[in-house]
Structures are given as structure tokens and as C-alpha cells.
Amino acid sequence: MNKIIQASFFLLLLNLCASLPAQMIDNDIAPDWVLPDINGQSHHLYDYLDQNKPVVLYFFDASVPPCWNYHNTQALQDLYTEYGPGAKDSVRVFYIETNPLTTEDNLHGIVGTGQPASITPGDWTANNPCPVINLESDTLLSQYELQGDYPTLITVCPARVVKIAGQRTAAQHYELLTECPGVATDSIDAFAMQYVGPYYICWGHLNHPTLRIQNRGLKPLVAGTTEVVYVSTQQVVWSEPWTGNLKTYETEDIVLPRFNFTSAELTRFSFSPAPTLSVDATPLNNQAYWGISLFPNFALYDTLLNLELVTDQYGEEVTWELIADNNQVVQSGGPYPNLANPGTATYNIPMSLTKGLCYRFIIHDKFGDGVCCDYGNGFFRLKDSWGNTVVEGDTMYLEATGYVSTGYGTDTDEGISLKDPLELYPSPATDVLYMEIPDFIGLSNARAEIRNVMGQAVKEFEVTERKNSISVQDFAPGIYFLRLYFENGTIVAPFFKEKY
């Protein structure tokens, strides 16, 4: 097996559990640290940042060949020589060794007794002016949410925010450093860092849009206003006062209530300090933009799902996640045990989900060739209790995206009562079933079909009205499923027919 298998689907459901940690991304706040290098000199990250010096962190594992390959490009050594101490003195660069098995001798290219030759490919300190730190614990790795994919390069700006640098040349690193926000110099400077909320409109509602702000001023931020605006029309769709006590460089995620969101378009999220605080030094950085999208497709599934996962010999390469529309991982699985020989292992993972928010399911194969076929004929299949397949596949070369919904329940949050996107009543029905369709579902070329529990079609018809009466008088008693096909997707809703 080997490649990233990604099958994504979105569900309109309620959050299941607390979020799990994810790898650090741009604009995250870098944790502080004080560490000695292998020459015994102590280094304090925030001290360098307070001197308005950005810091490049090179996290590496001496036994990993790509780390040595990048080291030999001399990119970091050249950056340090031209812009570090003794030169322009505007940048700091640190090598941070992450493997607990690596010794100081290994960093000098010496393989110890009983160690494999692969523990180090050479002398990491030769012609290297950058300080080298050999970590003695994984505390820093946890704080920076590193997940063992080395080399990892992170630039830390004086304003404490990180930029994921990647394997750049010295010139490219310096270009990134010139974009770094510097130390705080003005009394009031609020910064709208980024929009971190849901990206999709779920049945006409945006579920708790969230704006991350940072105080880049010298005085605490204690009051302001958050605003949401459609860029094309300049229509203010939401405005809410904010109070708090945000000290210099501190951040906060401002979570707004759920509200109606009728248009999929570029949207401006902004935060403005209260006028009583004094004038914001840089008002242009108070705005973050995001394109909010409608779900392109809908299909109604039961709330009880089951993931049938059949791994091949290399189960340790397989992981999966259920991710809410605010990008929180709410359920996950894997990696799974390897088998001694080619073959398969089967796992059934139940998911009991409720109604209300949007989710996606992503399954990964670390190596990249999927769970089929040379090492065992594996596959994955996510189905609901009605037998509907939500998403399935076996190799990386299949990328399936399905958008699914269980419909709305009653939302007690913010006191808003929501109804099912497709209303079928009465249930049980005797002679006539009524169907009502909300306004945000387009009816261009819409049609519907009704199937019984055996999957047999018993009625098909075009849909041109929002309120429809459907004769079911001749239906046998039992459970049926009505599927509405419309311009942006599909909805399936069950109903019960009783004897006339």
C-alpha cells in the first residue's frame, strides 16, 4: 500500500467530542522556549523576537536522509552568514535535532558503539555557523505540534506568529522574513489574523463563523466590534460588540452565533477597536476575507453510520478522520497493526451521529498506494443503517467526495429552532403525502422518486412547486424513501405508509 487516499464527505450533524491537535499552520502563535545548544550557550526565543529578529527553526532528524540533503544545500548556513550575528544581525537560525537516540557525538558525525551506521550521515557542525540544539525530551515537539515528518522548517516572526517556511533557498527564506510582522510599536493595533470558522453554508445557515484576532499594540484591547459583510454588495450581515482583555501579542477566536447566510460569495470579517481606546494605527489589517460556499450536493442519510475498513498487510499506513466544518477533528482512527504476510484485516467502526452541522470524512494511506492489491485486497466503505453507501474506495487513484445530510433537529443553541430541509407529512400517511421544499433549494429541472425498502422505484414525477401533494393510496403499508433531485444535489427522506 502506499499514497494519500482521500475521500471527503460532509454531514450536517452535531459536534461529537473535543478537537484533537493538528499540525501548526501559518499565523499560529509560537510557544516560547529557553534551550542550550551543544556548546552550552543558552537561547531564549522570545528574547530574540523582542529584539525584532525573526527566527528560523530547522527541526531535523539526523538519521533521515532528506534532512541531510537539505543541510547540504547550505541554504541555512548562507542565511545565517549573511544576516545573522556578526553580519547584518537581523535573523537567527537554529538547528533542532528531534531524535532522542541522537547523541552529541552523532551530530559530529561519530557513530557510537552498538549504533547503526544510519544514525548519522556525517558532521552536522562542520562549516555550520548555526547553533545546534539536541533535544533531550519531546516537550518542544509537542508544543509545536510536530508529527515526525522531518525536515520541518518554521519561521517565527517578532509578533510571535509562525510561517511554515518549507525547504527554501537562503534568498527565499529572506524574502519570507521580510513579510514577518515586527514587534509592537503602536498603542492600539488590532489585527484580524484569519477566518477560522466553517467554510460551507449548511441549509441556509453558517454555523458559528469565527474570526481570530491578535493584539499587536502596546495597550490591552478591551473593546471593539466584529462585523461580517458581503464584499460584492457591502451589505452588513452581522455586527456584534466585543469585550475582553487581550494583552500584547495575545490572540482570541471570536465565535459568532449561528445565523442565516443566504449568499455564497467573498465575505469580509473584520474587527475594529472601540473608538474610546484611541485610533487604530493600522486599520487596513483589521479585515480578513473568505469565500463562503454553498454545499454543492445534498443527500440524506441515517444518523447511524458504519465504517467497514479492510486493510492490507500494511495497516500502520492507514488513518482516518471525521472533521467538523470548523476544522475540528471529532473522531479518528488508525494507524492499524501490520500483518506478518500479505493479507487483510477487517475493522467495523460505528458512528452514532446526530443532526445539525457539517462534517467531512478523510481516509489517508501514508505510503500512497492504497489498500489494494499486491499486499491484500482491502477497501473502505462507509454506509448508513439503511444500507446507503456514503463513500467507498480502495486506492489513492480513487478520490470520492460526497455531501450528506441527516437534516435538522431542534437547535437549542442561541434559541433558534430549525426544521427539516425537506418536510414530508403526515407520517404515517394514508392516502396523501405532502412535501414542502424550502426556498434555498432550486427547483430547476427538479424531480423526485419514491422507492420501497427493497430499493424498487414505485413512483417518479417532476417537481415544479414548493408544496406538493403526492398520492400514496395504492402503496402497500411499510417504509418508503423519497429522493428529491434538484439543481445542487439530492435529498433523501423516509416516510411511513399505513393501511388506508
Protein backbone atom coordinates (compact mmCIF):
# COMPACT_ATOMS: atom_id res chain seq x y z
CA MET A 1 0.00 0.00 0.00
CA ASN A 2 1.26 3.46 -0.39
CA LYS A 3 -0.21 7.31 -1.40
CA ILE A 4 -2.81 9.55 0.24
CA ILE A 5 -6.27 8.15 -0.22
CA GLN A 6 -8.67 10.99 0.39
CA ALA A 7 -12.39 10.53 0.36
CA SER A 8 -14.23 13.51 1.71
CA PHE A 9 -17.82 13.92 2.59
CA PHE A 10 -19.74 16.48 4.54
CA LEU A 11 -22.53 15.79 7.00
CA LEU A 12 -24.93 18.20 8.62
CA LEU A 13 -24.54 16.91 12.16
CA LEU A 14 -23.81 17.94 15.76
CA ASN A 15 -20.29 18.01 17.19
CA LEU A 16 -19.29 14.73 18.82
CA CYS A 17 -16.29 15.39 21.00
CA ALA A 18 -13.38 17.71 21.68
CA SER A 19 -10.99 18.52 18.87
CA LEU A 20 -7.70 16.73 18.50
CA PRO A 21 -4.37 18.53 17.93
CA ALA A 22 -3.36 19.33 14.38
CA GLN A 23 -0.04 20.38 12.91
CA MET A 24 0.89 24.03 13.36
CA ILE A 25 -0.10 26.31 10.47
CA ASP A 26 0.57 29.89 9.39
CA ASN A 27 -0.45 32.53 11.94
CA ASP A 28 -0.41 30.14 14.89
CA ILE A 29 1.38 31.55 17.93
CA ALA A 30 4.83 30.07 18.57
CA PRO A 31 5.35 28.81 22.13
CA ASP A 32 8.35 30.28 23.94
CA TRP A 33 11.39 28.21 24.89
CA VAL A 34 14.76 28.50 26.57
CA LEU A 35 17.27 25.84 25.46
CA PRO A 36 21.05 25.31 25.43
CA ASP A 37 22.93 24.49 22.25
CA ILE A 38 25.57 21.75 22.13
CA ASN A 39 28.24 24.32 23.06
CA GLY A 40 26.43 25.18 26.29
CA GLN A 41 25.11 28.60 25.25
CA SER A 42 21.52 29.30 26.31
CA HIS A 43 18.98 30.71 23.85
CA HIS A 44 15.60 32.30 24.64
CA LEU A 45 13.22 32.52 21.69
CA TYR A 46 11.14 35.47 22.89
CA ASP A 47 14.29 37.46 23.76
CA TYR A 48 15.31 37.34 20.09
CA LEU A 49 11.79 38.22 18.95
CA ASP A 50 11.68 41.19 21.33
CA GLN A 51 14.85 42.43 19.61
CA ASN A 52 12.78 42.44 16.38
CA LYS A 53 14.73 39.49 15.00
CA PRO A 54 12.74 36.74 13.22
CA VAL A 55 13.91 33.21 13.98
CA VAL A 56 14.15 30.24 11.59
CA LEU A 57 13.79 26.84 13.25
CA TYR A 58 15.11 23.79 11.41
CA PHE A 59 13.63 20.67 13.03
CA PHE A 60 15.54 17.63 11.77
CA ASP A 61 16.31 14.01 12.50
CA ALA A 62 19.97 13.17 11.88
CA SER A 63 19.07 9.66 10.68
CA VAL A 64 16.64 10.87 7.97
CA PRO A 65 18.38 11.32 4.57
CA PRO A 66 16.22 14.26 3.36
CA CYS A 67 17.37 16.24 6.41
CA TRP A 68 21.00 15.74 5.46
CA ASN A 69 20.24 16.53 1.83
CA TYR A 70 18.71 19.89 2.73
CA HIS A 71 21.54 20.64 5.16
CA ASN A 72 23.99 20.16 2.29
CA THR A 73 22.26 22.82 0.18
CA GLN A 74 23.89 25.32 2.58
CA ALA A 75 20.69 27.41 2.49
CA LEU A 76 20.51 27.95 6.25
CA GLN A 77 24.25 28.37 6.68
CA ASP A 78 24.24 31.06 3.97
CA LEU A 79 21.25 32.78 5.54
CA TYR A 80 22.98 32.84 8.94
CA THR A 81 26.29 34.03 7.49
CA GLU A 82 24.73 36.96 5.62
CA TYR A 83 22.02 38.03 8.08
CA GLY A 84 22.97 36.52 11.45
CA PRO A 85 25.22 37.75 14.27
CA GLY A 86 28.42 39.36 13.10
CA ALA A 87 26.83 40.31 9.78
CA LYS A 88 23.60 42.29 9.41
CA ASP A 89 22.41 40.83 12.72
CA SER A 90 18.76 40.74 11.66
CA VAL A 91 17.98 36.99 11.78
CA ARG A 92 18.55 33.97 13.99
CA VAL A 93 18.69 30.37 12.72
CA PHE A 94 18.62 27.23 14.89
CA TYR A 95 19.15 23.58 14.08
CA ILE A 96 16.96 21.49 16.43
CA GLU A 97 17.64 17.74 16.47
CA THR A 98 14.48 15.79 17.37
CA ASN A 99 15.54 12.13 17.60
CA PRO A 100 16.01 11.06 21.26
CA LEU A 101 18.54 8.42 20.15
CA THR A 102 20.88 11.00 18.60
CA THR A 103 23.90 11.87 20.74
CA GLU A 104 26.23 14.86 20.56
CA ASP A 105 28.87 12.58 19.06
CA ASN A 106 26.40 11.67 16.31
CA LEU A 107 25.98 15.36 15.49
CA HIS A 108 29.76 15.48 14.96
CA GLY A 109 29.49 12.51 12.59
CA ILE A 110 30.64 9.84 15.07
CA VAL A 111 28.65 6.57 15.25
CA GLY A 112 28.64 5.17 18.77
CA THR A 113 29.22 1.58 19.83
CA GLY A 114 26.16 -0.53 19.08
CA GLN A 115 24.54 2.20 16.99
CA PRO A 116 23.54 1.59 13.35
CA ALA A 117 25.61 3.40 10.75
CA SER A 118 22.44 5.18 9.63
CA ILE A 119 22.20 7.10 12.93
CA THR A 120 24.10 9.96 11.26
CA PRO A 121 25.43 10.52 7.74
CA GLY A 122 28.16 13.00 8.74
CA ASP A 123 29.24 16.02 10.77
CA TRP A 124 26.33 18.45 11.14
CA THR A 125 28.57 21.09 12.73
CA ALA A 126 31.30 21.30 10.08
CA ASN A 127 31.20 24.68 8.34
CA ASN A 128 27.86 25.30 10.04
CA PRO A 129 27.69 28.57 11.99
CA CYS A 130 24.10 27.97 13.14
CA PRO A 131 23.60 26.95 16.80
CA VAL A 132 22.64 23.27 17.08
CA ILE A 133 20.25 22.16 19.83
CA ASN A 134 19.96 18.46 20.67
CA LEU A 135 16.57 17.96 22.35
CA GLU A 136 16.51 15.76 25.43
CA SER A 137 12.71 15.45 25.54
CA ASP A 138 9.75 15.75 23.17
CA THR A 139 8.16 18.66 25.05
CA LEU A 140 9.06 21.21 22.40
CA LEU A 141 7.90 18.90 19.62
CA SER A 142 4.51 18.57 21.31
CA GLN A 143 4.25 22.32 21.81
CA TYR A 144 4.96 22.90 18.14
CA GLU A 145 2.62 20.04 17.17
CA LEU A 146 5.27 18.31 15.07
CA GLN A 147 4.27 14.88 13.83
CA GLY A 148 7.57 13.32 12.80
CA ASP A 149 7.67 14.50 9.19
CA TYR A 150 11.23 15.87 9.01
CA PRO A 151 12.77 18.12 7.94
CA THR A 152 10.31 20.79 9.09
CA LEU A 153 11.18 24.48 8.78
CA ILE A 154 9.24 27.11 10.74
CA THR A 155 9.83 30.84 10.70
CA VAL A 156 8.81 32.68 13.88
CA CYS A 157 8.10 36.38 13.42
CA PRO A 158 8.69 39.00 16.13
CA ALA A 159 4.89 39.29 16.56
CA ARG A 160 5.05 35.64 17.75
CA VAL A 161 3.23 34.24 14.70
CA VAL A 162 4.66 31.36 12.70
CA LYS A 163 5.04 30.86 9.00
CA ILE A 164 5.61 27.36 7.67
CA ALA A 165 8.73 28.01 5.62
CA GLY A 166 9.45 24.80 3.72
CA GLN A 167 12.79 23.89 2.13
CA ARG A 168 13.75 27.27 0.66
CA THR A 169 16.98 28.74 -0.60
CA ALA A 170 18.69 31.42 1.50
CA ALA A 171 17.21 34.14 -0.73
CA GLN A 172 13.74 32.66 -0.50
CA HIS A 173 13.99 32.43 3.28
CA TYR A 174 14.97 36.07 3.48
CA GLU A 175 12.08 37.06 1.22
CA LEU A 176 9.70 35.34 3.64
CA LEU A 177 11.36 37.05 6.59
CA THR A 178 10.70 40.46 5.04
CA GLU A 179 6.97 39.66 5.27
CA CYS A 180 7.19 38.99 9.02
CA PRO A 181 5.17 41.30 11.27
CA GLY A 182 7.56 43.08 13.61
CA VAL A 183 7.43 43.99 17.28
CA ALA A 184 4.58 46.08 18.66
CA THR A 185 5.26 49.82 18.44
CA ASP A 186 1.82 51.49 18.48
CA SER A 187 -0.58 51.87 21.39
CA ILE A 188 -3.60 50.35 19.62
CA ASP A 189 -3.19 47.90 16.76
CA ALA A 190 -5.79 45.17 16.32
CA PHE A 191 -5.05 42.53 13.68
CA ALA A 192 -7.64 40.25 12.08
CA MET A 193 -5.32 37.27 11.65
CA GLN A 194 -7.60 34.95 9.74
CA TYR A 195 -11.04 33.45 9.41
CA VAL A 196 -11.03 30.05 11.12
CA GLY A 197 -14.73 29.16 11.10
CA PRO A 198 -16.86 26.93 8.86
CA TYR A 199 -16.39 27.33 5.11
CA TYR A 200 -19.77 25.99 3.99
CA ILE A 201 -23.35 27.19 4.30
CA CYS A 202 -25.37 24.35 5.76
CA TRP A 203 -29.02 24.52 4.69
CA GLY A 204 -29.04 28.30 4.71
CA HIS A 205 -27.12 28.70 7.97
CA LEU A 206 -23.49 29.47 8.74
CA ASN A 207 -22.65 27.58 11.91
CA HIS A 208 -20.69 29.87 14.24
CA PRO A 209 -18.36 31.87 11.95
CA THR A 210 -15.11 32.51 13.81
CA LEU A 211 -12.54 35.29 13.42
CA ARG A 212 -9.09 35.04 15.04
CA ILE A 213 -7.72 38.39 16.19
CA GLN A 214 -4.37 39.39 17.69
CA ASN A 215 -3.37 42.45 19.70
CA ARG A 216 -0.30 43.91 18.01
CA GLY A 217 -0.47 47.09 20.07
CA LEU A 218 1.24 48.01 23.32
CA LYS A 219 -2.01 48.61 25.23
CA PRO A 220 -4.53 45.89 26.07
CA LEU A 221 -7.52 45.51 23.74
CA VAL A 222 -10.64 45.68 25.88
CA ALA A 223 -13.48 46.58 23.48
CA GLY A 224 -14.37 46.50 19.82
CA THR A 225 -16.85 45.41 17.18
CA THR A 226 -16.90 42.34 14.93
CA GLU A 227 -18.59 42.73 11.55
CA VAL A 228 -19.49 40.40 8.68
CA VAL A 229 -20.02 41.97 5.24
CA TYR A 230 -20.80 40.67 1.75
CA VAL A 231 -18.00 42.16 -0.34
CA SER A 232 -19.99 42.48 -3.58
CA THR A 233 -22.89 44.46 -2.10
CA GLN A 234 -21.26 45.87 1.06
CA GLN A 235 -24.26 44.50 2.94
CA VAL A 236 -23.59 44.13 6.66
CA VAL A 237 -24.99 40.71 7.53
CA TRP A 238 -23.81 40.67 11.14
CA SER A 239 -22.39 43.12 13.67
CA GLU A 240 -21.64 42.35 17.31
CA PRO A 241 -19.79 44.20 20.10
CA TRP A 242 -16.79 42.50 21.74
CA THR A 243 -15.24 43.00 25.15
CA GLY A 244 -12.20 41.33 26.68
CA ASN A 245 -8.67 41.96 27.89
CA LEU A 246 -6.23 40.99 25.16
CA LYS A 247 -2.62 41.78 26.04
CA THR A 248 0.16 42.42 23.53
CA TYR A 249 0.57 39.53 21.06
CA GLU A 250 -2.28 37.55 22.65
CA THR A 251 -4.92 36.10 20.35
CA GLU A 252 -8.57 35.22 20.67
CA ASP A 253 -11.05 33.39 18.48
CA ILE A 254 -14.26 35.43 18.34
CA VAL A 255 -17.07 32.94 17.79
CA LEU A 256 -20.28 34.47 16.48
CA PRO A 257 -23.72 32.90 16.89
CA ARG A 258 -25.24 30.80 14.14
CA PHE A 259 -27.17 32.98 11.72
CA ASN A 260 -28.86 32.89 8.33
CA PHE A 261 -26.39 33.16 5.47
CA THR A 262 -28.12 33.41 2.14
CA SER A 263 -25.30 34.06 -0.31
CA ALA A 264 -22.19 32.11 -1.29
CA GLU A 265 -19.60 34.77 -2.08
CA LEU A 266 -16.46 36.53 -0.90
CA THR A 267 -17.08 37.77 2.63
CA ARG A 268 -15.22 40.24 4.83
CA PHE A 269 -14.81 39.52 8.53
CA SER A 270 -13.47 42.50 10.45
CA PHE A 271 -12.66 43.62 13.98
CA SER A 272 -12.49 47.31 14.91
CA PRO A 273 -11.27 48.56 18.29
CA ALA A 274 -13.71 50.78 20.14
CA PRO A 275 -13.18 54.49 19.31
CA THR A 276 -12.81 55.21 23.04
CA LEU A 277 -9.48 53.35 23.06
CA SER A 278 -7.84 55.77 20.57
CA VAL A 279 -7.20 55.46 16.84
CA ASP A 280 -6.04 52.10 15.45
CA ALA A 281 -2.55 52.56 13.99
CA THR A 282 -3.10 50.22 11.03
CA PRO A 283 -6.84 49.88 10.31
CA LEU A 284 -6.25 48.09 7.00
CA ASN A 285 -5.13 44.94 8.84
CA ASN A 286 -8.45 44.70 10.70
CA GLN A 287 -10.04 42.68 7.89
CA ALA A 288 -9.90 39.04 6.83
CA TYR A 289 -11.58 37.75 3.67
CA TRP A 290 -13.02 34.35 2.93
CA GLY A 291 -15.10 32.80 0.18
CA ILE A 292 -18.05 31.08 1.84
CA SER A 293 -19.55 28.32 -0.32
CA LEU A 294 -22.86 26.52 -0.52
CA PHE A 295 -22.74 22.77 -0.20
CA PRO A 296 -22.65 21.63 -3.86
CA ASN A 297 -24.65 18.49 -3.16
CA PHE A 298 -27.00 17.07 -0.53
CA ALA A 299 -28.13 13.55 0.25
CA LEU A 300 -29.99 12.45 3.34
CA TYR A 301 -28.50 9.54 5.27
CA ASP A 302 -29.38 7.94 8.55
CA THR A 303 -27.53 9.12 11.66
CA LEU A 304 -26.12 5.66 12.36
CA LEU A 305 -23.09 5.08 10.16
CA ASN A 306 -20.60 2.24 9.99
CA LEU A 307 -17.09 2.37 8.56
CA GLU A 308 -16.09 -1.02 7.20
CA LEU A 309 -12.33 -0.84 6.78
CA VAL A 310 -10.37 -3.74 5.32
CA THR A 311 -6.63 -3.04 5.46
CA ASP A 312 -3.98 -4.88 3.51
CA GLN A 313 -0.71 -6.11 5.03
CA TYR A 314 0.39 -2.57 5.95
CA GLY A 315 -2.32 -1.39 8.31
CA GLU A 316 0.02 1.06 10.01
CA GLU A 317 -0.20 3.25 6.90
CA VAL A 318 -3.95 3.83 7.27
CA THR A 319 -5.58 6.61 9.31
CA TRP A 320 -8.93 8.38 9.01
CA GLU A 321 -10.64 11.43 10.47
CA LEU A 322 -14.12 12.83 10.85
CA ILE A 323 -13.75 16.60 10.69
CA ALA A 324 -16.35 19.21 11.60
CA ASP A 325 -16.91 22.25 9.42
CA ASN A 326 -14.91 24.35 11.89
CA ASN A 327 -11.94 22.06 11.06
CA GLN A 328 -12.02 20.28 14.41
CA VAL A 329 -11.25 16.55 14.28
CA VAL A 330 -14.09 14.98 16.24
CA GLN A 331 -13.45 11.28 15.59
CA SER A 332 -10.48 9.44 14.17
CA GLY A 333 -8.89 6.01 13.81
CA GLY A 334 -5.65 4.25 12.93
CA PRO A 335 -2.93 3.50 12.35
CA TYR A 336 -3.72 -0.23 12.43
CA PRO A 337 -1.40 -3.22 13.04
CA ASN A 338 0.69 -4.63 10.21
CA LEU A 339 0.29 -8.26 9.22
CA ALA A 340 3.25 -10.63 9.00
CA ASN A 341 2.35 -11.58 5.41
CA PRO A 342 0.20 -10.21 2.59
CA GLY A 343 -3.46 -10.42 3.57
CA THR A 344 -6.30 -8.40 5.04
CA ALA A 345 -7.72 -7.38 8.42
CA THR A 346 -11.29 -6.14 8.85
CA TYR A 347 -12.49 -3.38 11.18
CA ASN A 348 -16.04 -2.14 11.69
CA ILE A 349 -16.26 1.26 13.34
CA PRO A 350 -19.75 2.54 14.28
CA MET A 351 -20.53 6.27 14.24
CA SER A 352 -23.64 7.43 16.06
CA LEU A 353 -24.26 10.92 14.73
CA THR A 354 -26.96 13.48 15.32
CA LYS A 355 -28.28 16.43 13.35
CA GLY A 356 -27.17 19.97 12.77
CA LEU A 357 -23.61 20.66 11.48
CA CYS A 358 -21.32 19.87 8.55
CA TYR A 359 -18.60 17.24 8.58
CA ARG A 360 -16.15 15.51 6.26
CA PHE A 361 -14.56 12.09 6.39
CA ILE A 362 -10.99 11.69 5.12
CA ILE A 363 -9.05 8.44 4.94
CA HIS A 364 -5.27 8.50 4.38
CA ASP A 365 -2.73 5.97 3.22
CA LYS A 366 0.67 7.16 4.47
CA PHE A 367 2.74 5.35 1.85
CA GLY A 368 0.48 6.20 -1.03
CA ASP A 369 -0.61 3.07 -2.90
CA GLY A 370 -3.93 2.44 -1.20
CA VAL A 371 -5.12 -0.73 0.50
CA CYS A 372 -5.21 -2.82 -2.65
CA CYS A 373 -3.92 -5.06 -4.21
CA ASP A 374 -0.41 -6.59 -4.11
CA TYR A 375 -0.42 -6.83 -0.31
CA GLY A 376 -4.08 -7.79 0.13
CA ASN A 377 -7.40 -6.80 -1.43
CA GLY A 378 -8.52 -4.16 1.03
CA PHE A 379 -11.12 -1.40 0.76
CA PHE A 380 -13.10 1.09 2.83
CA ARG A 381 -16.85 1.63 2.78
CA LEU A 382 -18.91 3.98 4.90
CA LYS A 383 -22.61 3.08 4.95
CA ASP A 384 -25.67 4.11 6.91
CA SER A 385 -28.15 1.79 8.63
CA TRP A 386 -30.45 1.91 5.59
CA GLY A 387 -27.68 0.37 3.52
CA ASN A 388 -26.83 3.55 1.62
CA THR A 389 -23.13 3.89 0.77
CA VAL A 390 -21.80 7.31 1.69
CA VAL A 391 -18.26 6.88 0.34
CA GLU A 392 -16.06 3.95 -0.66
CA GLY A 393 -12.78 3.15 -2.36
CA ASP A 394 -9.53 1.24 -2.19
CA THR A 395 -6.65 3.17 -3.79
CA MET A 396 -5.31 6.70 -3.91
CA TYR A 397 -6.37 6.89 -7.51
CA LEU A 398 -9.99 6.98 -6.38
CA GLU A 399 -10.90 10.31 -4.80
CA ALA A 400 -14.57 10.35 -3.88
CA THR A 401 -16.38 13.36 -2.48
CA GLY A 402 -19.94 13.02 -1.24
CA TYR A 403 -22.03 15.58 0.61
CA VAL A 404 -24.55 14.10 3.00
CA SER A 405 -27.15 15.32 5.47
CA THR A 406 -29.29 13.90 8.23
CA GLY A 407 -31.49 17.00 8.19
CA TYR A 408 -32.06 19.36 11.07
CA GLY A 409 -33.22 18.60 14.55
CA THR A 410 -34.09 21.27 17.13
CA ASP A 411 -31.18 23.57 17.81
CA THR A 412 -31.24 24.91 21.34
CA ASP A 413 -28.04 26.91 20.80
CA GLU A 414 -28.87 30.62 20.53
CA GLY A 415 -32.57 29.72 20.87
CA ILE A 416 -33.00 29.11 17.14
CA SER A 417 -35.50 26.41 16.11
CA LEU A 418 -34.69 24.81 12.76
CA LYS A 419 -36.89 22.48 10.76
CA ASP A 420 -36.04 19.65 8.39
CA PRO A 421 -34.89 20.88 4.97
CA LEU A 422 -37.47 18.63 3.29
CA GLU A 423 -40.81 18.29 5.07
CA LEU A 424 -42.86 15.15 4.49
CA TYR A 425 -46.18 14.84 6.34
CA PRO A 426 -48.19 13.23 7.68
CA SER A 427 -46.13 10.23 8.65
CA PRO A 428 -47.65 7.73 8.74
CA ALA A 429 -49.54 8.71 5.60
CA THR A 430 -52.71 7.04 4.41
CA ASP A 431 -53.85 8.43 1.06
CA VAL A 432 -51.89 11.66 0.50
CA LEU A 433 -48.32 12.62 1.41
CA TYR A 434 -47.41 16.31 1.44
CA MET A 435 -43.91 17.54 0.59
CA GLU A 436 -42.69 21.10 1.30
CA ILE A 437 -39.38 22.38 -0.08
CA PRO A 438 -37.50 25.40 1.40
CA ASP A 439 -36.70 28.46 -0.72
CA PHE A 440 -32.95 27.98 -0.87
CA ILE A 441 -33.32 24.72 -2.82
CA GLY A 442 -33.56 25.48 -6.55
CA LEU A 443 -36.32 23.69 -8.49
CA SER A 444 -34.84 23.98 -11.97
CA ASN A 445 -35.28 20.50 -13.55
CA ALA A 446 -36.19 19.07 -10.13
CA ARG A 447 -37.72 15.62 -9.95
CA ALA A 448 -38.50 13.05 -7.29
CA GLU A 449 -38.72 9.31 -6.96
CA ILE A 450 -40.09 7.05 -4.23
CA ARG A 451 -38.56 3.66 -3.52
CA ASN A 452 -39.56 0.89 -1.13
CA VAL A 453 -37.23 -0.84 1.33
CA MET A 454 -36.23 -3.29 -1.41
CA GLY A 455 -34.88 -0.39 -3.45
CA GLN A 456 -37.62 -0.72 -6.08
CA ALA A 457 -38.94 2.50 -7.64
CA VAL A 458 -42.69 2.82 -7.08
CA LYS A 459 -43.27 6.40 -8.25
CA GLU A 460 -41.44 9.10 -10.22
CA PHE A 461 -42.58 12.64 -11.01
CA GLU A 462 -41.38 16.15 -11.86
CA VAL A 463 -41.34 18.80 -9.11
CA THR A 464 -42.28 22.36 -10.02
CA GLU A 465 -43.92 23.65 -6.82
CA ARG A 466 -42.63 24.15 -3.28
CA LYS A 467 -45.70 22.48 -1.78
CA ASN A 468 -46.70 19.17 -3.36
CA SER A 469 -49.41 16.58 -2.69
CA ILE A 470 -48.46 13.03 -3.62
CA SER A 471 -50.98 10.20 -3.85
CA VAL A 472 -49.81 7.13 -1.93
CA GLN A 473 -53.21 5.48 -1.65
CA ASP A 474 -52.16 2.45 -3.70
CA PHE A 475 -48.88 1.91 -1.80
CA ALA A 476 -48.57 -1.18 0.35
CA PRO A 477 -48.09 -0.42 4.08
CA GLY A 478 -44.44 -0.01 5.07
CA ILE A 479 -41.38 2.28 4.98
CA TYR A 480 -40.56 4.29 1.84
CA PHE A 481 -37.82 6.70 0.82
CA LEU A 482 -38.48 9.83 -1.23
CA ARG A 483 -35.45 11.18 -3.08
CA LEU A 484 -35.57 14.73 -4.42
CA TYR A 485 -33.14 15.56 -7.23
CA PHE A 486 -32.54 19.30 -7.65
CA GLU A 487 -30.03 21.64 -9.29
CA ASN A 488 -27.45 21.47 -6.48
CA GLY A 489 -27.82 17.92 -5.27
CA THR A 490 -30.05 15.29 -3.74
CA ILE A 491 -32.11 14.87 -0.57
CA VAL A 492 -33.50 11.58 0.70
CA ALA A 493 -36.24 11.50 3.35
CA PRO A 494 -38.10 8.46 4.76
CA PHE A 495 -41.82 8.20 5.47
CA PHE A 496 -44.21 5.50 6.61
CA LYS A 497 -47.37 4.39 4.77
CA GLU A 498 -50.09 2.78 6.83
CA LYS A 499 -53.08 0.83 5.64
CA TYR A 500 -55.81 3.02 4.12
